[in-house]
Structure formats: structure tokens, C-alpha cells
Protein backbone atom coordinates (compact mmCIF):
# COMPACT_ATOMS: atom_id res chain seq x y z
CA MET A 1 47.04 -55.13 -3.87
CA SER A 2 45.68 -53.28 -6.92
CA LEU A 3 42.49 -55.37 -6.87
CA LEU A 4 41.93 -54.62 -3.17
CA THR A 5 42.54 -50.93 -3.87
CA ALA A 6 39.95 -51.09 -6.66
CA LEU A 7 37.44 -52.53 -4.20
CA HIS A 8 38.09 -49.72 -1.72
CA THR A 9 37.85 -47.19 -4.54
CA GLY A 10 34.42 -48.55 -5.42
CA VAL A 11 33.40 -48.37 -1.76
CA SER A 12 34.42 -44.69 -1.62
CA GLY A 13 32.11 -44.08 -4.56
CA LEU A 14 29.22 -45.89 -2.86
CA ARG A 15 29.69 -43.86 0.31
CA SER A 16 29.97 -40.52 -1.48
CA TYR A 17 27.03 -41.06 -3.82
CA GLY A 18 24.96 -42.45 -0.96
CA ASP A 19 25.53 -39.20 0.92
CA SER A 20 24.74 -37.26 -2.25
CA LEU A 21 21.43 -39.12 -2.56
CA GLN A 22 20.66 -38.13 1.03
CA VAL A 23 21.23 -34.45 0.13
CA ILE A 24 18.94 -34.76 -2.89
CA SER A 25 16.22 -36.54 -0.92
CA ASP A 26 16.36 -33.82 1.76
CA ASN A 27 15.91 -31.15 -0.90
CA ILE A 28 12.91 -32.93 -2.40
CA ALA A 29 11.38 -33.55 1.02
CA ASN A 30 11.52 -29.80 1.76
CA VAL A 31 10.18 -28.59 -1.57
CA ASN A 32 7.19 -27.01 0.24
CA THR A 33 9.02 -25.82 3.35
CA PRO A 34 8.87 -21.99 3.52
CA ALA A 35 12.24 -20.30 2.92
CA PHE A 36 14.08 -23.65 2.70
CA LYS A 37 17.44 -23.37 0.96
CA ALA A 38 18.54 -26.25 -1.27
CA ALA A 39 21.85 -27.98 -0.54
CA ARG A 40 24.37 -29.39 -3.00
CA ALA A 41 26.89 -32.18 -2.55
CA GLU A 42 30.39 -31.36 -3.76
CA PHE A 43 32.89 -34.10 -4.58
CA ALA A 44 36.68 -34.25 -4.61
CA ASP A 45 39.17 -36.99 -5.48
CA LEU A 46 41.21 -38.72 -2.77
CA ILE A 47 44.96 -38.37 -2.55
CA SER A 48 46.58 -40.25 -5.40
CA GLN A 49 49.11 -43.07 -5.06
CA THR A 50 52.46 -42.58 -6.80
CA ILE A 51 53.73 -45.53 -8.83
CA ASN A 52 56.93 -46.03 -10.79
CA GLY A 53 56.68 -47.49 -14.26
CA SER A 54 58.68 -47.76 -17.43
CA ALA A 55 57.45 -44.35 -18.48
CA GLY A 56 58.44 -42.82 -15.19
CA ARG A 57 56.48 -41.83 -12.15
CA SER A 58 52.70 -41.81 -12.38
CA GLN A 59 49.78 -41.18 -10.04
CA LEU A 60 46.98 -43.61 -9.46
CA GLY A 61 43.66 -42.31 -8.14
CA ARG A 62 42.26 -43.93 -5.00
CA GLY A 63 38.62 -42.88 -5.14
CA VAL A 64 36.24 -40.05 -4.35
CA GLN A 65 35.12 -38.27 -1.22
CA LEU A 66 32.34 -35.89 -0.28
CA ALA A 67 34.30 -32.65 0.01
CA GLY A 68 31.42 -30.68 1.43
CA ILE A 69 27.76 -29.75 1.30
CA THR A 70 27.01 -26.16 0.36
CA THR A 71 23.72 -24.32 0.57
CA SER A 72 22.22 -22.17 -2.17
CA PHE A 73 20.92 -18.96 -0.57
CA GLU A 74 19.32 -17.83 -3.79
CA GLN A 75 16.08 -15.89 -3.27
CA GLY A 76 12.97 -18.06 -3.32
CA SER A 77 9.74 -16.93 -4.94
CA LEU A 78 7.27 -14.96 -2.79
CA ALA A 79 3.75 -16.28 -2.34
CA ASN A 80 0.80 -14.17 -1.17
CA THR A 81 -1.05 -15.34 1.94
CA ASP A 82 -4.09 -14.17 3.90
CA ARG A 83 -2.28 -13.86 7.25
CA LEU A 84 -1.18 -10.40 8.32
CA THR A 85 1.73 -11.81 10.36
CA ASP A 86 3.25 -13.69 7.41
CA LEU A 87 6.40 -11.82 6.38
CA ALA A 88 8.98 -12.36 3.65
CA ILE A 89 12.36 -10.79 2.97
CA ASN A 90 12.72 -9.55 -0.58
CA GLY A 91 16.49 -9.43 -0.93
CA ASN A 92 19.38 -10.11 1.43
CA GLY A 93 19.14 -10.72 5.13
CA PHE A 94 17.74 -12.90 7.89
CA PHE A 95 15.16 -12.29 10.60
CA LEU A 96 16.59 -12.28 14.12
CA VAL A 97 14.76 -14.53 16.59
CA GLN A 98 15.58 -15.11 20.23
CA LYS A 99 14.60 -17.38 23.10
CA ASP A 100 16.30 -17.90 26.47
CA ASN A 101 19.15 -15.57 25.42
CA GLN A 102 19.87 -17.71 22.36
CA GLN A 103 19.84 -15.68 19.16
CA LEU A 104 19.30 -17.45 15.85
CA TYR A 105 18.57 -16.37 12.29
CA THR A 106 15.92 -17.41 9.78
CA ARG A 107 14.33 -16.53 6.46
CA ASN A 108 11.03 -18.13 7.46
CA GLY A 109 8.55 -15.36 8.30
CA GLN A 110 5.65 -17.50 9.53
CA LEU A 111 4.86 -15.51 12.67
CA THR A 112 2.00 -15.36 15.15
CA LEU A 113 1.01 -13.25 18.15
CA ASN A 114 1.33 -15.11 21.45
CA ASN A 115 -0.75 -14.45 24.57
CA GLN A 116 1.68 -11.71 25.62
CA GLY A 117 1.28 -9.75 22.39
CA GLN A 118 4.72 -10.78 21.10
CA LEU A 119 5.53 -11.73 17.52
CA VAL A 120 6.93 -15.27 17.64
CA ASN A 121 7.78 -18.04 15.18
CA SER A 122 6.51 -21.63 15.33
CA GLN A 123 9.20 -22.49 17.91
CA GLY A 124 8.01 -19.69 20.21
CA MET A 125 11.08 -17.56 19.55
CA ASN A 126 10.62 -13.79 19.69
CA LEU A 127 11.10 -11.68 16.59
CA ILE A 128 13.79 -9.10 17.34
CA GLY A 129 13.71 -5.50 16.14
CA TYR A 130 14.43 -1.90 17.01
CA GLN A 131 12.03 -1.04 19.80
CA TYR A 132 9.84 2.07 19.95
CA GLY A 133 8.52 3.78 23.04
CA PRO A 134 4.81 4.16 23.95
CA ASP A 135 4.77 7.46 22.07
CA GLY A 136 5.85 5.75 18.84
CA ARG A 137 9.39 7.15 18.90
CA ALA A 138 12.40 4.96 18.16
CA LEU A 139 14.46 3.99 21.22
CA GLY A 140 17.38 2.64 19.19
CA THR A 141 17.60 -0.60 21.18
CA LEU A 142 17.13 -4.16 19.95
CA GLY A 143 14.58 -6.36 21.66
CA PRO A 144 11.43 -8.45 21.19
CA LEU A 145 8.66 -6.74 19.24
CA GLN A 146 5.57 -6.68 21.44
CA PHE A 147 2.13 -5.09 21.33
CA ALA A 148 0.38 -3.77 24.41
CA ASN A 149 -2.32 -6.22 25.49
CA SER A 150 -4.16 -3.65 27.56
CA GLN A 151 -6.51 -1.09 26.03
CA LEU A 152 -5.17 2.25 24.93
CA SER A 153 -6.19 4.95 27.37
CA PRO A 154 -8.72 7.47 26.07
CA GLN A 155 -7.58 10.96 25.18
CA MET A 156 -9.84 13.85 26.04
CA THR A 157 -10.39 16.55 23.48
CA GLY A 158 -8.16 19.58 23.88
CA ASP A 159 -8.25 21.11 20.42
CA VAL A 160 -11.04 21.54 17.90
CA LYS A 161 -10.34 22.72 14.38
CA VAL A 162 -13.11 24.00 12.09
CA HIS A 163 -12.26 25.54 8.73
CA ALA A 164 -15.29 26.77 6.81
CA ASN A 165 -16.34 29.23 4.17
CA LEU A 166 -19.06 31.59 5.40
CA ASN A 167 -21.16 33.08 2.63
CA SER A 168 -20.54 36.84 2.46
CA SER A 169 -24.10 37.30 1.10
CA SER A 170 -25.70 35.90 4.27
CA PRO A 171 -28.11 38.22 6.10
CA VAL A 172 -27.37 39.62 9.57
CA THR A 173 -29.09 37.65 12.35
CA THR A 174 -29.41 37.75 16.12
CA PHE A 175 -28.57 34.35 17.59
CA ASP A 176 -30.94 32.71 20.08
CA PRO A 177 -29.80 29.42 21.69
CA THR A 178 -33.41 28.32 22.08
CA ASP A 179 -33.88 28.58 18.31
CA ALA A 180 -30.32 27.91 17.15
CA ILE A 181 -31.24 26.65 13.69
CA GLY A 182 -33.67 29.47 12.94
CA THR A 183 -31.36 32.26 14.12
CA SER A 184 -28.08 31.09 12.58
CA ASN A 185 -26.79 31.15 9.03
CA PHE A 186 -24.80 27.91 9.09
CA SER A 187 -23.93 25.06 11.44
CA THR A 188 -21.82 21.93 11.79
CA ALA A 189 -21.50 19.16 14.37
CA LEU A 190 -18.69 17.00 15.67
CA SER A 191 -17.96 14.65 18.55
CA VAL A 192 -15.64 15.54 21.41
CA TYR A 193 -14.38 13.20 24.13
CA ASP A 194 -14.11 13.52 27.90
CA SER A 195 -11.38 12.10 30.13
CA LEU A 196 -13.13 8.71 30.26
CA GLY A 197 -13.41 8.41 26.49
CA ASN A 198 -17.13 9.15 26.32
CA SER A 199 -18.30 10.87 23.15
CA HIS A 200 -20.33 14.10 23.30
CA THR A 201 -21.93 15.81 20.31
CA MET A 202 -21.24 19.52 19.98
CA HIS A 203 -23.03 21.75 17.46
CA ILE A 204 -21.25 24.88 16.26
CA TYR A 205 -23.52 27.60 14.86
CA PHE A 206 -22.40 30.64 12.86
CA ASN A 207 -24.45 33.82 12.53
CA LYS A 208 -23.53 37.00 10.73
CA THR A 209 -23.49 40.03 13.03
CA GLY A 210 -22.42 42.80 10.63
CA ASP A 211 -20.29 43.62 7.62
CA ASN A 212 -17.43 41.09 7.57
CA ALA A 213 -18.28 40.08 11.16
CA TRP A 214 -19.57 36.75 12.49
CA ALA A 215 -20.20 35.09 15.79
CA TRP A 216 -19.82 31.36 16.52
CA HIS A 217 -21.50 29.37 19.28
CA GLY A 218 -20.68 25.91 20.64
CA LEU A 219 -23.89 24.28 21.96
CA MET A 220 -24.64 20.95 23.62
CA ASP A 221 -27.72 19.34 25.02
CA GLY A 222 -27.93 19.71 28.79
CA SER A 223 -27.80 15.91 29.17
CA GLU A 224 -24.19 15.97 27.93
CA VAL A 225 -22.74 18.03 30.79
CA MET A 226 -22.72 18.02 34.58
CA GLY A 227 -25.66 19.94 36.03
CA GLY A 228 -27.38 20.40 32.67
CA THR A 229 -31.06 19.96 31.92
CA PRO A 230 -31.83 17.29 29.32
CA GLY A 231 -33.48 18.76 26.25
CA GLU A 232 -32.17 22.27 26.95
CA ALA A 233 -29.44 23.68 24.69
CA MET A 234 -26.46 25.05 26.60
CA GLU A 235 -23.90 27.40 25.06
CA LEU A 236 -20.54 26.22 26.38
CA ALA A 237 -18.21 27.99 23.94
CA GLY A 238 -18.36 31.02 21.69
CA GLY A 239 -16.45 33.85 20.08
CA THR A 240 -16.17 36.04 17.01
CA LEU A 241 -14.71 35.93 13.51
CA THR A 242 -13.86 39.00 11.46
CA PHE A 243 -12.82 39.08 7.82
CA THR A 244 -11.18 41.54 5.45
CA ALA A 245 -12.98 42.98 2.46
CA ASN A 246 -11.23 40.29 0.39
CA GLY A 247 -12.73 37.51 2.49
CA ALA A 248 -9.55 36.62 4.41
CA LEU A 249 -9.76 35.83 8.13
CA GLN A 250 -8.64 38.95 9.99
CA ALA A 251 -9.10 37.72 13.56
CA ALA A 252 -10.70 34.88 15.53
CA THR A 253 -11.52 35.06 19.23
CA THR A 254 -12.76 32.61 21.83
CA ASP A 255 -14.72 34.48 24.47
CA GLN A 256 -16.03 31.43 26.26
CA SER A 257 -14.96 27.77 26.55
CA SER A 258 -16.10 25.83 29.59
CA PHE A 259 -16.84 22.09 29.55
CA ASN A 260 -17.52 19.79 32.49
CA PHE A 261 -18.56 16.31 31.42
CA THR A 262 -17.47 14.11 34.32
CA GLY A 263 -16.77 16.50 37.16
CA ASN A 264 -13.35 17.16 35.68
CA PRO A 265 -13.36 20.63 34.03
CA GLN A 266 -12.02 20.40 30.50
CA ALA A 267 -10.50 23.22 28.47
CA ILE A 268 -11.02 23.06 24.71
CA SER A 269 -9.37 25.50 22.32
CA PHE A 270 -10.86 26.33 18.93
CA ASP A 271 -8.94 26.91 15.71
CA PHE A 272 -10.71 28.56 12.79
CA GLY A 273 -7.63 29.20 10.64
CA SER A 274 -4.49 31.28 10.30
CA ALA A 275 -5.79 34.76 11.09
CA ILE A 276 -3.89 37.78 9.86
CA ALA A 277 -3.87 39.21 13.38
CA ASP A 278 -1.91 36.13 14.49
CA GLY A 279 0.65 36.39 11.69
CA GLY A 280 -1.14 34.17 9.18
CA ASN A 281 -2.27 34.85 5.65
CA GLY A 282 -5.97 34.70 6.51
CA LEU A 283 -6.68 32.24 3.70
CA THR A 284 -5.52 28.97 5.29
CA GLY A 285 -8.64 27.99 7.15
CA SER A 286 -11.92 29.89 7.38
CA THR A 287 -12.84 32.42 4.70
CA GLN A 288 -15.75 34.68 3.73
CA PHE A 289 -16.33 34.42 0.01
CA ALA A 290 -19.48 34.88 -2.03
CA SER A 291 -20.13 31.17 -2.30
CA PRO A 292 -22.32 28.75 -0.35
CA ASN A 293 -21.52 27.94 3.24
CA PHE A 294 -19.50 24.75 3.50
CA ILE A 295 -16.93 23.00 5.71
CA ASN A 296 -13.40 22.75 4.31
CA SER A 297 -12.26 20.51 7.14
CA GLN A 298 -12.93 19.85 10.77
CA SER A 299 -11.19 17.70 13.36
CA GLN A 300 -10.57 17.22 17.06
CA ASP A 301 -7.78 15.45 18.92
CA GLY A 302 -9.81 13.36 21.37
CA LEU A 303 -10.05 9.57 21.23
CA PRO A 304 -12.04 6.86 22.98
CA ALA A 305 -10.31 3.87 24.56
CA GLY A 306 -9.03 1.39 22.00
CA SER A 307 -7.98 -2.24 21.71
CA LEU A 308 -5.66 -3.90 19.20
CA THR A 309 -7.55 -5.01 16.09
CA SER A 310 -4.85 -5.52 13.49
CA VAL A 311 -1.14 -5.40 12.69
CA ALA A 312 0.52 -3.49 9.86
CA VAL A 313 4.05 -3.92 8.49
CA ASP A 314 5.51 -1.70 5.76
CA GLY A 315 8.38 -2.29 3.35
CA LYS A 316 10.94 -0.84 5.75
CA GLY A 317 9.86 -3.29 8.42
CA ILE A 318 8.06 -0.81 10.69
CA VAL A 319 5.54 -2.80 12.71
CA SER A 320 2.43 -0.91 13.87
CA GLY A 321 -0.61 -1.77 15.90
CA VAL A 322 -3.97 -0.71 14.49
CA TYR A 323 -6.46 -0.01 17.29
CA SER A 324 -10.24 0.13 17.38
CA ASN A 325 -10.24 3.87 18.13
CA GLY A 326 -8.56 4.62 14.82
CA ARG A 327 -5.02 5.07 16.12
CA THR A 328 -2.06 3.40 14.44
CA ILE A 329 0.94 3.21 16.76
CA PRO A 330 4.35 1.90 15.62
CA ILE A 331 5.89 -0.49 18.16
CA GLY A 332 9.20 -1.07 16.43
CA GLN A 333 11.11 -1.86 13.26
CA ILE A 334 12.17 -5.33 12.23
CA ALA A 335 15.94 -5.85 12.26
CA LEU A 336 17.70 -7.87 9.57
CA ALA A 337 21.13 -9.52 9.69
CA ASN A 338 23.57 -10.53 6.98
CA PHE A 339 26.86 -12.46 7.12
CA PRO A 340 30.19 -12.30 5.25
CA ASN A 341 30.03 -16.06 4.56
CA LEU A 342 26.53 -17.49 4.41
CA ASN A 343 27.79 -21.05 3.94
CA GLY A 344 29.58 -20.76 7.26
CA LEU A 345 26.22 -20.69 9.09
CA TYR A 346 25.26 -23.76 11.09
CA LYS A 347 21.81 -25.24 10.50
CA THR A 348 19.95 -26.03 13.72
CA GLY A 349 16.75 -27.25 12.07
CA SER A 350 13.31 -25.66 11.55
CA GLY A 351 14.81 -23.18 9.09
CA LEU A 352 17.06 -21.67 11.79
CA TYR A 353 20.73 -20.82 11.44
CA GLN A 354 23.40 -20.19 14.05
CA GLU A 355 26.39 -17.90 13.82
CA THR A 356 29.82 -19.57 13.67
CA LEU A 357 33.42 -18.48 13.29
CA GLY A 358 33.17 -19.51 9.65
CA SER A 359 30.14 -17.30 8.99
CA GLY A 360 31.67 -14.21 10.52
CA VAL A 361 30.01 -11.63 12.74
CA PRO A 362 26.48 -10.63 11.62
CA VAL A 363 25.92 -7.17 10.20
CA ILE A 364 22.61 -6.00 11.69
CA GLY A 365 20.62 -3.13 10.25
CA GLN A 366 17.28 -1.79 9.14
CA PRO A 367 15.46 -3.19 6.09
CA ASP A 368 16.09 -1.43 2.79
CA SER A 369 19.45 -0.10 3.96
CA GLY A 370 23.05 -1.25 3.77
CA GLY A 371 22.34 -3.87 1.13
CA LEU A 372 19.58 -5.51 3.18
CA GLY A 373 16.25 -6.44 1.60
CA THR A 374 12.78 -5.07 2.11
CA ILE A 375 9.89 -6.64 4.01
CA SER A 376 6.76 -7.91 2.26
CA ALA A 377 3.69 -8.41 4.45
CA TYR A 378 1.02 -11.03 3.70
CA SER A 379 3.78 -13.02 1.98
CA LEU A 380 6.03 -16.01 2.52
CA GLU A 381 9.25 -16.94 0.77
CA LEU A 382 8.96 -20.35 -0.87
CA SER A 383 11.62 -23.05 -1.01
CA ASN A 384 14.24 -22.47 -3.72
CA VAL A 385 14.40 -26.20 -4.53
CA ASP A 386 14.23 -26.84 -8.29
CA LEU A 387 12.43 -30.17 -8.59
CA ALA A 388 13.46 -30.74 -12.22
CA LYS A 389 17.12 -30.29 -11.33
CA GLU A 390 16.82 -32.55 -8.29
CA PHE A 391 15.31 -35.36 -10.37
CA VAL A 392 18.08 -35.09 -12.95
CA ASP A 393 20.69 -35.12 -10.15
CA MET A 394 18.96 -38.12 -8.60
CA ILE A 395 19.15 -40.08 -11.87
CA SER A 396 22.80 -39.14 -12.30
CA THR A 397 23.59 -40.14 -8.72
CA GLN A 398 21.75 -43.44 -9.12
CA ARG A 399 23.74 -44.32 -12.22
CA ALA A 400 27.00 -43.36 -10.54
CA TYR A 401 26.10 -45.53 -7.55
CA GLN A 402 25.30 -48.47 -9.83
CA ALA A 403 28.58 -48.01 -11.68
CA ASN A 404 30.60 -48.07 -8.46
CA SER A 405 28.76 -51.14 -7.25
CA ARG A 406 29.64 -52.75 -10.60
CA VAL A 407 33.31 -51.93 -9.99
CA ILE A 408 33.13 -53.87 -6.72
CA THR A 409 31.43 -56.79 -8.46
CA VAL A 410 34.10 -56.92 -11.18
CA GLY A 411 36.88 -56.64 -8.61
CA ASP A 412 35.35 -59.54 -6.70
CA GLN A 413 35.25 -61.64 -9.89
CA LEU A 414 38.89 -60.90 -10.65
CA LEU A 415 39.90 -61.88 -7.11
CA SER A 416 38.00 -65.13 -7.57
CA GLU A 417 39.91 -65.80 -10.79
CA LEU A 418 43.17 -65.11 -8.99
CA ILE A 419 42.30 -67.53 -6.22
CA ASN A 420 41.36 -70.19 -8.77
CA ILE A 421 44.79 -69.80 -10.47
CA VAL A 422 46.49 -70.51 -7.14
CA ARG A 423 44.46 -73.68 -6.78
């Protein structure tokens, strides 16, 4: 019976090391698979047989078994890519992906935009995150991250801001719209937008009217407005600026502001700085110092229509759409999940993992919080397979397999000798 037991012991070794070789070969095969996590075969001895001998009771081993296969979730190296939708997790956590109400988890951040503007992986599963509303504010709900396919609506100009220094040494002039350049001391130009997103060029002229007093005039060519005469300058806005003896803005008025580009009258307000009369300090914005005329800053809040041109993802996982009109609108924040027992996760293939009772309930949160990692854009996590280690393990496994097969051969020879004795 001992010889037969030896044969079965050798067979247990062949089975176990054959499975171990399969684990090693799988690791080597996936050495270039993004975010692949190497597995390791773990062995344990079989229950021993108790025998009684002259020295007392002893235990006789009966072979080896594959006790389990564990996965190393050690961080893989990050590689730079040229794709803006390639994402990598630097630290703990898994991406959440979903399809047909099935939620799975992955470290593989190879994503693309589908025809519905959704971020999906190679299996067509949606990337899940904290959704934002159209105004870019967080809604606090989890769902697929999706960009608007339609164009962004234009935004007509409602506010114009011009902060300038007007040279206190400028001479007093009388402004004439028909000779705006010759009768003004300084001018600037900027584009404003109507309700359809059309751009219109407005020139703002400044002329000094007295000590510490200025007038400003907003002019456009008649071709820009309804009922205007092309080639004729039309004054559509205007007002006054007064300064203190120290050059601070005392007061700013708008005496006229009337724009009609498309048949839809449009009100535009003008901001020249924090005037003292309005509770400001008179120095944040327009000033009147003895220095050349120049523009500190100017802006307006109108925008043309825009279409999605690019995607941006920051370290905290906030995903934004970059549009052709210059707007950057966040659509959501990537959610990450972590588990109490990572080796309790069930592999479903394609780098995807499924929650089990052994893994525990996922802890879902925002990147760079609660022990979760950060997000790196234009990057992919590489496989954590160590080829040198796998080759050493493969040699060791091969030798162990050969040794166990030799045990079977020797056991067979001994049985043959036994049979020959009987003869």
C-alpha cells in the first residue's frame, strides 16, 4: 500500500505544479496587458496519515495540493500616452464601470468616447462618476459620465468690463463721432455677442472734458446694428468718468446703452472699476495717473456657440469638456472604489473584477480622499508582472514537476520488482 500511496503522492505533485505552471504562463502572457495584476500559486500539504511504529505514533505525508491562487495588487508603473482619454490610478482604488445594470471594477483606464458622448471602456461599459449639472455644479449622484453632443448655446453679452489708466496730462477735447480718432484721447476695441452668437466689434473712445473729468463713448459701424447705415459710426453707449485729485475713480456713469443686433434689444452694462461713490476704493479698475494711456484689463461675458473639442481630467478626477468657444465645463468627477479584501474579488476577464461576499462591500469615494489614489491623465498603468521572477519560478516549477514524475517512475519500478518476487 505504501508504494501505491507514493504513486498518488507523485500524482498530487504533478497536478499542483501543472496548475502552478498555468499561473506562471498566464502572468507571462499578460506582461503587456494594461493594469494586469500578477497571480501566485500557493501550496499546502495534504492531510497526513498516522502510523504506529516502534518509536511510537508518526505521521506520513500524502502529497501536496494547490491551496489557492492569490493576486498581487501592487501598483504597476505608469506609462505616458498620447490619448487624452487614457487614465491611470496612482494609488489605491478601482474605476467603476457599468453596463445593463451590472457594475464591475477595473484598474484599466483605456477609455474612449462613444457616439453618445459617454466615456466607455473597450467592452462598451460606461465609466461611473459623480455627475454634474449643465451649470457645472455637482449633483452628488453617481451615474455615467457623458458629454453633451449638441453645441453649446451662445451667450449674449450682458456685461463689459474695461479698466484703463487715462493720462492726467491729456488735453481737453470735444468728441465728434464722425472723427472719433481725431477728437478722442484714447480708445480700445472689443467684441460683443448677440443672442445668436454673432460677434460685433465695439470701439470705446475716451476724451477728457475737464479737470479730472472724462467722457466715454461706445461706437459701432452702422452695419453691425438693425437699421444702421454701413460705414456710418453710431454711438450706442456712453457716460462719464470722474477722478479725485489723487487719480482714483470717484464715479462712473452710463448715460446711454442701447443695442439691437437681431431685432432683440440687448442691454449691456459697463464696468470701469470700483468707484468711490459706489463704496469702492477708486483704485481697483480705472485710474487717472500721469502716465501713458493703457488698458489694465478688459473683458465681456458673451460667447459664440461652441462644440466639444477636447477632454480634460485633473488629479482629483474632475472631467471637463473643452469647447471651441473657449468654455471649459466640468461634467462630473470620477468615482473610485476600494475593498476590505482585494483577493476576495472575482475576476470576470478583460481586467474586470466583481464584488463578492469575500471581498466585502466597496467603499466608494472621490479620488485623493479617504485613502484613494489620484488620477493621471494621458497615462496607463502597466502590468505588475516581473518577468525575471516569473522565469525563475518557471524553472523551479519545471524541476519540481520533473522530480515528481521521477517519483512515479521509481514507484513503478519498485512495484515491478515486487511483482517479479511473487513470480
